[in-house]
């Protein structure tokens, strides 16, 4: 990756700062985290999946969906409504599903392009 802009908004969401995220599920046995992304009317606009999760630190609901890729496998964002909280997920793979469940693989491509 050539500069930091490649590491921001890795899920290619429109207006990521205006969206809200909610933990939908976390499977401990399979280490899969699912996050729903909603617009201001509560409509789901995307589903984010993190696979092979090794560590996570996040609230159940927060404002903002502008995930950054840090280091090799750390996905981070700073919620707009929680100034002292950092959302952090260490996972070997992450990808985006659209509202119809289609796999868009944006973040997976970002991980493997550098």
N, C-alpha and C. Protein backbone atom coordinates (compact mmCIF):
# COMPACT_ATOMS: atom_id res chain seq x y z
N UNK A 1 0.84 -1.17 0.00
CA UNK A 1 0.00 0.00 0.00
C UNK A 1 0.88 1.23 0.00
N UNK A 2 0.59 2.14 -0.88
CA UNK A 2 1.50 3.25 -1.10
C UNK A 2 1.36 4.39 -0.11
N UNK A 3 0.14 4.67 0.37
CA UNK A 3 -0.02 5.74 1.34
C UNK A 3 -1.18 5.39 2.28
N UNK A 4 -1.38 6.25 3.28
CA UNK A 4 -2.40 5.98 4.29
C UNK A 4 -3.82 6.02 3.74
N UNK A 5 -4.07 6.73 2.63
CA UNK A 5 -5.43 6.79 2.10
C UNK A 5 -5.91 5.41 1.67
N UNK A 6 -5.00 4.52 1.30
CA UNK A 6 -5.36 3.16 0.94
C UNK A 6 -5.86 2.38 2.15
N UNK A 7 -5.53 2.84 3.34
CA UNK A 7 -5.85 2.12 4.56
C UNK A 7 -7.12 2.63 5.23
N UNK A 8 -7.73 3.71 4.71
CA UNK A 8 -8.94 4.28 5.30
C UNK A 8 -10.16 3.86 4.49
N UNK A 9 -11.29 3.79 5.17
CA UNK A 9 -12.56 3.39 4.55
C UNK A 9 -12.36 2.14 3.69
N UNK A 10 -11.75 1.14 4.28
CA UNK A 10 -11.37 -0.06 3.52
C UNK A 10 -12.56 -0.86 3.01
N UNK A 11 -13.75 -0.60 3.55
CA UNK A 11 -14.93 -1.30 3.05
C UNK A 11 -15.65 -0.51 1.96
N UNK A 12 -15.09 0.63 1.57
CA UNK A 12 -15.62 1.45 0.47
C UNK A 12 -17.10 1.80 0.68
N UNK A 13 -17.43 2.26 1.87
CA UNK A 13 -18.80 2.66 2.20
C UNK A 13 -19.00 4.13 1.83
N UNK A 14 -20.17 4.46 1.30
CA UNK A 14 -20.51 5.85 1.05
C UNK A 14 -20.79 6.54 2.37
N UNK A 15 -20.18 7.70 2.59
CA UNK A 15 -20.38 8.48 3.81
C UNK A 15 -20.21 7.63 5.08
N UNK A 16 -19.06 6.99 5.27
CA UNK A 16 -18.90 6.09 6.42
C UNK A 16 -19.05 6.77 7.78
N UNK A 17 -18.75 8.06 7.86
CA UNK A 17 -18.89 8.76 9.14
C UNK A 17 -20.34 9.00 9.51
N UNK A 18 -21.25 8.92 8.55
CA UNK A 18 -22.66 9.14 8.82
C UNK A 18 -23.44 7.86 9.08
N UNK A 19 -22.75 6.73 9.18
CA UNK A 19 -23.39 5.43 9.38
C UNK A 19 -23.26 4.97 10.83
N UNK A 20 -24.06 3.99 11.19
CA UNK A 20 -24.02 3.40 12.53
C UNK A 20 -23.72 1.91 12.40
N UNK A 21 -22.92 1.39 13.32
CA UNK A 21 -22.57 -0.03 13.32
C UNK A 21 -23.15 -0.71 14.55
N UNK A 22 -23.49 -1.99 14.34
CA UNK A 22 -24.07 -2.80 15.41
C UNK A 22 -23.50 -4.22 15.29
N UNK A 23 -23.05 -4.77 16.42
CA UNK A 23 -22.60 -6.16 16.40
C UNK A 23 -23.82 -7.05 16.22
N UNK A 24 -23.81 -7.85 15.17
CA UNK A 24 -24.92 -8.76 14.88
C UNK A 24 -24.66 -10.10 15.54
N UNK A 25 -23.42 -10.59 15.41
CA UNK A 25 -23.09 -11.88 16.02
C UNK A 25 -21.58 -12.03 16.15
N UNK A 26 -21.21 -12.91 17.07
CA UNK A 26 -19.81 -13.32 17.19
C UNK A 26 -19.78 -14.79 17.54
N UNK A 27 -19.18 -15.57 16.69
CA UNK A 27 -19.07 -17.00 16.89
C UNK A 27 -17.69 -17.29 17.48
N UNK A 28 -17.66 -17.65 18.74
CA UNK A 28 -16.38 -17.91 19.40
C UNK A 28 -15.68 -19.11 18.77
N UNK A 29 -16.40 -20.19 18.56
CA UNK A 29 -15.80 -21.41 18.01
C UNK A 29 -15.22 -21.22 16.62
N UNK A 30 -15.88 -20.40 15.80
CA UNK A 30 -15.40 -20.17 14.45
C UNK A 30 -14.68 -18.84 14.30
N UNK A 31 -14.65 -18.05 15.37
CA UNK A 31 -13.97 -16.76 15.39
C UNK A 31 -14.43 -15.84 14.27
N UNK A 32 -15.76 -15.73 14.10
CA UNK A 32 -16.33 -14.88 13.06
C UNK A 32 -17.16 -13.79 13.71
N UNK A 33 -16.83 -12.54 13.39
CA UNK A 33 -17.56 -11.37 13.88
C UNK A 33 -18.37 -10.80 12.73
N UNK A 34 -19.66 -10.54 12.97
CA UNK A 34 -20.54 -9.94 11.97
C UNK A 34 -21.05 -8.61 12.50
N UNK A 35 -20.87 -7.55 11.71
CA UNK A 35 -21.30 -6.21 12.08
C UNK A 35 -22.27 -5.71 11.01
N UNK A 36 -23.43 -5.23 11.45
CA UNK A 36 -24.39 -4.61 10.55
C UNK A 36 -24.13 -3.12 10.47
N UNK A 37 -24.19 -2.56 9.27
CA UNK A 37 -23.99 -1.13 9.05
C UNK A 37 -25.32 -0.53 8.61
N UNK A 38 -25.77 0.50 9.34
CA UNK A 38 -27.07 1.09 9.09
C UNK A 38 -26.94 2.57 8.73
N UNK A 39 -27.89 3.05 7.91
CA UNK A 39 -27.93 4.48 7.62
C UNK A 39 -28.74 5.19 8.70
N UNK A 40 -28.99 6.49 8.52
CA UNK A 40 -29.66 7.27 9.57
C UNK A 40 -31.14 6.91 9.76
N UNK A 41 -31.72 6.15 8.82
CA UNK A 41 -33.11 5.70 9.00
C UNK A 41 -33.19 4.30 9.58
N UNK A 42 -32.03 3.68 9.88
CA UNK A 42 -32.00 2.34 10.45
C UNK A 42 -31.99 1.22 9.44
N UNK A 43 -31.90 1.58 8.16
CA UNK A 43 -31.85 0.57 7.10
C UNK A 43 -30.44 -0.02 7.01
N UNK A 44 -30.34 -1.34 6.92
CA UNK A 44 -29.03 -1.98 6.77
C UNK A 44 -28.53 -1.75 5.35
N UNK A 45 -27.32 -1.18 5.25
CA UNK A 45 -26.73 -0.89 3.95
C UNK A 45 -25.56 -1.81 3.63
N UNK A 46 -25.03 -2.50 4.64
CA UNK A 46 -23.93 -3.44 4.42
C UNK A 46 -23.77 -4.32 5.66
N UNK A 47 -23.14 -5.45 5.45
CA UNK A 47 -22.75 -6.36 6.53
C UNK A 47 -21.24 -6.53 6.42
N UNK A 48 -20.54 -6.35 7.54
CA UNK A 48 -19.09 -6.55 7.57
C UNK A 48 -18.80 -7.85 8.30
N UNK A 49 -17.95 -8.67 7.73
CA UNK A 49 -17.56 -9.95 8.34
C UNK A 49 -16.06 -9.94 8.58
N UNK A 50 -15.68 -10.37 9.76
CA UNK A 50 -14.28 -10.53 10.13
C UNK A 50 -14.07 -12.00 10.46
N UNK A 51 -13.11 -12.64 9.82
CA UNK A 51 -12.87 -14.07 10.01
C UNK A 51 -11.54 -14.30 10.71
N UNK A 52 -11.46 -15.40 11.43
CA UNK A 52 -10.27 -15.75 12.22
C UNK A 52 -9.91 -14.62 13.17
N UNK A 53 -10.91 -14.16 13.91
CA UNK A 53 -10.72 -13.07 14.87
C UNK A 53 -9.89 -13.57 16.03
N UNK A 54 -8.79 -12.86 16.31
CA UNK A 54 -7.92 -13.22 17.42
C UNK A 54 -8.16 -12.34 18.63
N UNK A 55 -8.62 -11.10 18.40
CA UNK A 55 -8.86 -10.15 19.48
C UNK A 55 -9.87 -9.13 19.00
N UNK A 56 -10.75 -8.69 19.91
CA UNK A 56 -11.65 -7.60 19.57
C UNK A 56 -11.94 -6.77 20.80
N UNK A 57 -12.11 -5.49 20.59
CA UNK A 57 -12.46 -4.55 21.64
C UNK A 57 -13.40 -3.54 21.02
N UNK A 58 -14.69 -3.64 21.37
CA UNK A 58 -15.69 -2.80 20.75
C UNK A 58 -16.97 -2.80 21.55
N UNK A 59 -17.74 -1.71 21.45
CA UNK A 59 -19.07 -1.69 22.07
C UNK A 59 -20.04 -2.48 21.18
N UNK A 60 -21.27 -2.61 21.60
CA UNK A 60 -22.27 -3.33 20.80
C UNK A 60 -22.79 -2.45 19.66
N UNK A 61 -22.91 -1.14 19.90
CA UNK A 61 -23.41 -0.19 18.91
C UNK A 61 -22.52 1.05 18.96
N UNK A 62 -22.22 1.63 17.79
CA UNK A 62 -21.46 2.87 17.75
C UNK A 62 -21.75 3.61 16.45
N UNK A 63 -21.38 4.89 16.42
CA UNK A 63 -21.57 5.71 15.23
C UNK A 63 -20.27 5.83 14.45
N UNK A 64 -20.36 5.64 13.15
CA UNK A 64 -19.20 5.71 12.28
C UNK A 64 -18.82 4.33 11.77
N UNK A 65 -18.41 4.27 10.49
CA UNK A 65 -18.01 2.99 9.88
C UNK A 65 -16.77 3.15 9.03
N UNK A 66 -15.94 4.14 9.37
CA UNK A 66 -14.74 4.42 8.59
C UNK A 66 -13.56 3.60 9.13
N UNK A 67 -13.60 2.30 8.86
CA UNK A 67 -12.54 1.42 9.33
C UNK A 67 -11.24 1.69 8.59
N UNK A 68 -10.16 1.62 9.34
CA UNK A 68 -8.81 1.73 8.78
C UNK A 68 -8.12 0.40 8.96
N UNK A 69 -7.19 0.11 8.08
CA UNK A 69 -6.35 -1.07 8.23
C UNK A 69 -5.03 -0.62 8.80
N UNK A 70 -4.68 -1.16 9.96
CA UNK A 70 -3.40 -0.84 10.59
C UNK A 70 -2.57 -2.11 10.68
N UNK A 71 -1.31 -1.98 10.51
CA UNK A 71 -0.41 -3.13 10.54
C UNK A 71 -0.95 -4.22 9.62
N UNK A 72 -0.69 -5.45 9.94
CA UNK A 72 -1.08 -6.52 9.03
C UNK A 72 -2.55 -6.90 9.14
N UNK A 73 -3.07 -6.99 10.37
CA UNK A 73 -4.42 -7.52 10.53
C UNK A 73 -5.25 -6.77 11.56
N UNK A 74 -4.95 -5.50 11.81
CA UNK A 74 -5.72 -4.74 12.79
C UNK A 74 -6.64 -3.76 12.06
N UNK A 75 -7.93 -3.91 12.30
CA UNK A 75 -8.95 -3.03 11.75
C UNK A 75 -9.40 -2.11 12.87
N UNK A 76 -9.33 -0.79 12.64
CA UNK A 76 -9.56 0.19 13.71
C UNK A 76 -10.48 1.30 13.22
N UNK A 77 -11.29 1.81 14.14
CA UNK A 77 -12.01 3.06 13.91
C UNK A 77 -12.27 3.72 15.25
N UNK A 78 -12.49 5.02 15.20
CA UNK A 78 -12.80 5.80 16.39
C UNK A 78 -14.23 6.29 16.27
N UNK A 79 -15.16 5.74 17.06
CA UNK A 79 -16.57 6.12 16.96
C UNK A 79 -16.79 7.61 17.22
N UNK A 80 -17.71 8.21 16.47
CA UNK A 80 -18.03 9.62 16.65
C UNK A 80 -18.68 9.89 17.99
N UNK A 81 -19.48 8.94 18.50
CA UNK A 81 -20.24 9.18 19.73
C UNK A 81 -19.53 8.69 20.99
N UNK A 82 -18.36 8.10 20.86
CA UNK A 82 -17.63 7.57 22.02
C UNK A 82 -16.18 8.02 21.92
N UNK A 83 -15.89 9.22 22.37
CA UNK A 83 -14.58 9.82 22.14
C UNK A 83 -13.42 9.08 22.80
N UNK A 84 -13.67 8.38 23.89
CA UNK A 84 -12.58 7.70 24.57
C UNK A 84 -12.48 6.22 24.19
N UNK A 85 -13.23 5.79 23.20
CA UNK A 85 -13.26 4.38 22.81
C UNK A 85 -12.66 4.20 21.43
N UNK A 86 -11.88 3.14 21.27
CA UNK A 86 -11.36 2.74 19.97
C UNK A 86 -11.94 1.37 19.65
N UNK A 87 -12.53 1.23 18.48
CA UNK A 87 -12.98 -0.07 18.01
C UNK A 87 -11.77 -0.73 17.38
N UNK A 88 -11.45 -1.94 17.83
CA UNK A 88 -10.28 -2.63 17.32
C UNK A 88 -10.59 -4.11 17.13
N UNK A 89 -10.27 -4.62 15.95
CA UNK A 89 -10.48 -6.04 15.64
C UNK A 89 -9.22 -6.56 14.98
N UNK A 90 -8.63 -7.60 15.55
CA UNK A 90 -7.51 -8.29 14.92
C UNK A 90 -8.08 -9.54 14.25
N UNK A 91 -7.97 -9.60 12.93
CA UNK A 91 -8.51 -10.73 12.18
C UNK A 91 -7.65 -10.96 10.95
N UNK A 92 -7.61 -12.19 10.47
CA UNK A 92 -6.79 -12.48 9.30
C UNK A 92 -7.51 -12.19 8.01
N UNK A 93 -8.83 -11.93 8.09
CA UNK A 93 -9.59 -11.68 6.88
C UNK A 93 -10.80 -10.83 7.22
N UNK A 94 -11.20 -9.95 6.31
CA UNK A 94 -12.39 -9.14 6.50
C UNK A 94 -12.99 -8.85 5.14
N UNK A 95 -14.31 -8.80 5.08
CA UNK A 95 -14.96 -8.50 3.82
C UNK A 95 -16.32 -7.89 4.06
N UNK A 96 -16.87 -7.33 3.00
CA UNK A 96 -18.16 -6.64 3.07
C UNK A 96 -19.18 -7.36 2.22
N UNK A 97 -20.36 -7.53 2.80
CA UNK A 97 -21.51 -8.01 2.05
C UNK A 97 -22.43 -6.82 1.83
N UNK A 98 -23.03 -6.71 0.67
CA UNK A 98 -23.98 -5.63 0.48
C UNK A 98 -25.31 -5.99 1.14
N UNK A 99 -26.29 -5.10 1.05
CA UNK A 99 -27.55 -5.32 1.75
C UNK A 99 -28.30 -6.55 1.24
N UNK A 100 -27.92 -7.07 0.07
CA UNK A 100 -28.54 -8.27 -0.46
C UNK A 100 -27.71 -9.52 -0.19
N UNK A 101 -26.61 -9.36 0.56
CA UNK A 101 -25.79 -10.51 0.92
C UNK A 101 -24.71 -10.86 -0.08
N UNK A 102 -24.50 -10.02 -1.09
CA UNK A 102 -23.46 -10.29 -2.08
C UNK A 102 -22.09 -9.94 -1.49
N UNK A 103 -21.15 -10.83 -1.65
CA UNK A 103 -19.80 -10.66 -1.13
C UNK A 103 -19.02 -9.70 -2.03
N UNK A 104 -18.60 -8.56 -1.48
CA UNK A 104 -17.88 -7.56 -2.27
C UNK A 104 -16.37 -7.64 -2.11
N UNK A 105 -15.88 -8.30 -1.08
CA UNK A 105 -14.45 -8.57 -0.85
C UNK A 105 -13.51 -7.37 -0.89
N UNK A 106 -14.01 -6.16 -0.61
CA UNK A 106 -13.14 -4.99 -0.67
C UNK A 106 -11.96 -5.08 0.29
N UNK A 107 -12.21 -5.35 1.54
CA UNK A 107 -11.13 -5.34 2.51
C UNK A 107 -10.19 -6.50 2.30
N UNK A 108 -10.71 -7.64 1.89
CA UNK A 108 -9.84 -8.79 1.61
C UNK A 108 -8.83 -8.41 0.53
N UNK A 109 -9.28 -7.73 -0.50
CA UNK A 109 -8.36 -7.29 -1.54
C UNK A 109 -7.33 -6.31 -0.99
N UNK A 110 -7.76 -5.42 -0.09
CA UNK A 110 -6.83 -4.46 0.51
C UNK A 110 -5.76 -5.18 1.31
N UNK A 111 -6.16 -6.22 2.03
CA UNK A 111 -5.20 -6.98 2.83
C UNK A 111 -4.16 -7.65 1.97
N UNK A 112 -4.55 -8.17 0.83
CA UNK A 112 -3.66 -8.97 0.02
C UNK A 112 -2.97 -8.20 -1.09
N UNK A 113 -3.20 -6.89 -1.17
CA UNK A 113 -2.59 -6.14 -2.26
C UNK A 113 -1.25 -5.53 -1.88
N UNK A 114 -0.90 -5.59 -0.61
CA UNK A 114 0.33 -4.93 -0.20
C UNK A 114 1.36 -5.85 0.12
